[in-house]
Amino acid sequence: MGILLAITASSCSSSRKTTVTTKTNHQPTASLSQSDLEQGKHLWESNCDRCHKLYAPEARTRQQWELILPRMVKRSKLSDTDGEKVRGYIMSLAKS
């Protein structure tokens, strides 16, 4: 529906990247490295639990997160870059 997700398999080597392509309403597609995804996890854990319980990314489908994330990223006042990292992290684990 607005989010395309492509994860390229990678090994544990830090020199390889896992690429997550995320496209949201009117926002550019971004490729995120494993480091970006880890930062997304940290941002999610440190920002989202200020207001409510953290839900496991796997607890919802990508379509459900697609409806939730734009509003929550805006409410948390994350930058577009940080918001994309959070989206990438969540979508990399969300149910199809």
Protein backbone atom coordinates (compact mmCIF):
# COMPACT_ATOMS: atom_id res chain seq x y z
CA MET A 1 0.00 0.00 0.00
CA GLY A 2 2.62 2.74 0.48
CA ILE A 3 5.48 0.81 1.90
CA LEU A 4 7.80 -1.32 -0.15
CA LEU A 5 10.22 -3.46 1.76
CA ALA A 6 13.27 -5.19 0.37
CA ILE A 7 15.77 -6.84 2.65
CA THR A 8 18.99 -8.08 1.17
CA ALA A 9 20.53 -10.94 3.10
CA SER A 10 23.80 -10.21 4.77
CA SER A 11 26.25 -11.97 6.97
CA CYS A 12 27.38 -10.81 10.38
CA SER A 13 30.22 -8.92 8.74
CA SER A 14 29.96 -5.19 9.38
CA SER A 15 31.29 -4.47 5.89
CA ARG A 16 28.12 -5.83 4.29
CA LYS A 17 24.89 -3.90 4.38
CA THR A 18 21.34 -5.02 4.84
CA THR A 19 19.28 -2.84 2.59
CA VAL A 20 15.76 -1.90 3.55
CA THR A 21 13.87 0.13 1.02
CA THR A 22 11.02 2.07 2.52
CA LYS A 23 8.60 4.25 0.63
CA THR A 24 5.96 6.15 2.53
CA ASN A 25 3.43 8.76 1.47
CA HIS A 26 5.25 11.48 -0.46
CA GLN A 27 8.63 10.56 0.99
CA PRO A 28 11.66 9.38 -0.96
CA THR A 29 12.81 5.79 -0.95
CA ALA A 30 15.76 5.24 1.38
CA SER A 31 18.27 2.41 1.63
CA LEU A 32 19.20 1.68 5.20
CA SER A 33 22.30 -0.10 6.43
CA GLN A 34 22.41 -2.49 9.36
CA SER A 35 23.78 0.42 11.41
CA ASP A 36 20.76 2.55 10.40
CA LEU A 37 18.42 -0.25 11.49
CA GLU A 38 20.20 -0.52 14.84
CA GLN A 39 19.88 3.25 15.26
CA GLY A 40 16.20 2.92 14.34
CA LYS A 41 15.75 0.35 17.09
CA HIS A 42 17.46 2.63 19.61
CA LEU A 43 15.36 5.64 18.52
CA TRP A 44 12.18 3.57 18.74
CA GLU A 45 13.03 2.26 22.21
CA SER A 46 14.13 5.66 23.54
CA ASN A 47 11.35 7.80 22.06
CA CYS A 48 8.20 5.73 21.78
CA ASP A 49 8.08 4.45 25.34
CA ARG A 50 7.84 8.00 26.67
CA CYS A 51 4.13 8.04 25.93
CA HIS A 52 3.03 4.42 25.80
CA LYS A 53 3.98 0.76 26.02
CA LEU A 54 6.27 -0.44 23.23
CA TYR A 55 4.63 -2.97 20.97
CA ALA A 56 6.84 -5.61 19.39
CA PRO A 57 7.29 -4.85 15.69
CA GLU A 58 6.17 -8.42 15.01
CA ALA A 59 2.88 -7.79 16.83
CA ARG A 60 1.43 -5.91 13.87
CA THR A 61 1.41 -6.24 10.12
CA ARG A 62 3.23 -3.84 7.80
CA GLN A 63 -0.16 -2.42 6.80
CA GLN A 64 -1.04 -1.74 10.43
CA TRP A 65 2.34 -0.08 11.06
CA GLU A 66 1.88 1.93 7.88
CA LEU A 67 -1.17 3.55 9.45
CA ILE A 68 0.47 4.10 12.83
CA LEU A 69 4.04 5.18 12.09
CA PRO A 70 3.52 8.45 10.16
CA ARG A 71 1.42 9.88 12.99
CA MET A 72 3.73 8.64 15.74
CA VAL A 73 6.92 9.84 14.02
CA LYS A 74 5.34 13.28 13.67
CA ARG A 75 4.16 13.33 17.31
CA SER A 76 7.60 12.30 18.55
CA LYS A 77 9.15 15.17 16.55
CA LEU A 78 11.79 12.90 15.04
CA SER A 79 13.66 14.24 12.03
CA ASP A 80 12.78 12.75 8.65
CA THR A 81 16.06 10.83 8.71
CA ASP A 82 15.46 9.41 12.18
CA GLY A 83 11.85 8.65 11.28
CA GLU A 84 13.02 6.63 8.28
CA LYS A 85 15.39 4.67 10.51
CA VAL A 86 12.55 3.84 12.90
CA ARG A 87 10.28 2.88 9.98
CA GLY A 88 13.01 0.72 8.48
CA TYR A 89 13.58 -1.06 11.78
CA ILE A 90 9.87 -1.67 12.41
CA MET A 91 9.13 -2.77 8.84
CA SER A 92 12.11 -5.13 8.80
CA LEU A 93 10.44 -7.13 11.60
CA ALA A 94 6.72 -6.55 10.99
CA LYS A 95 4.47 -9.36 9.79
CA SER A 96 3.69 -9.34 6.07
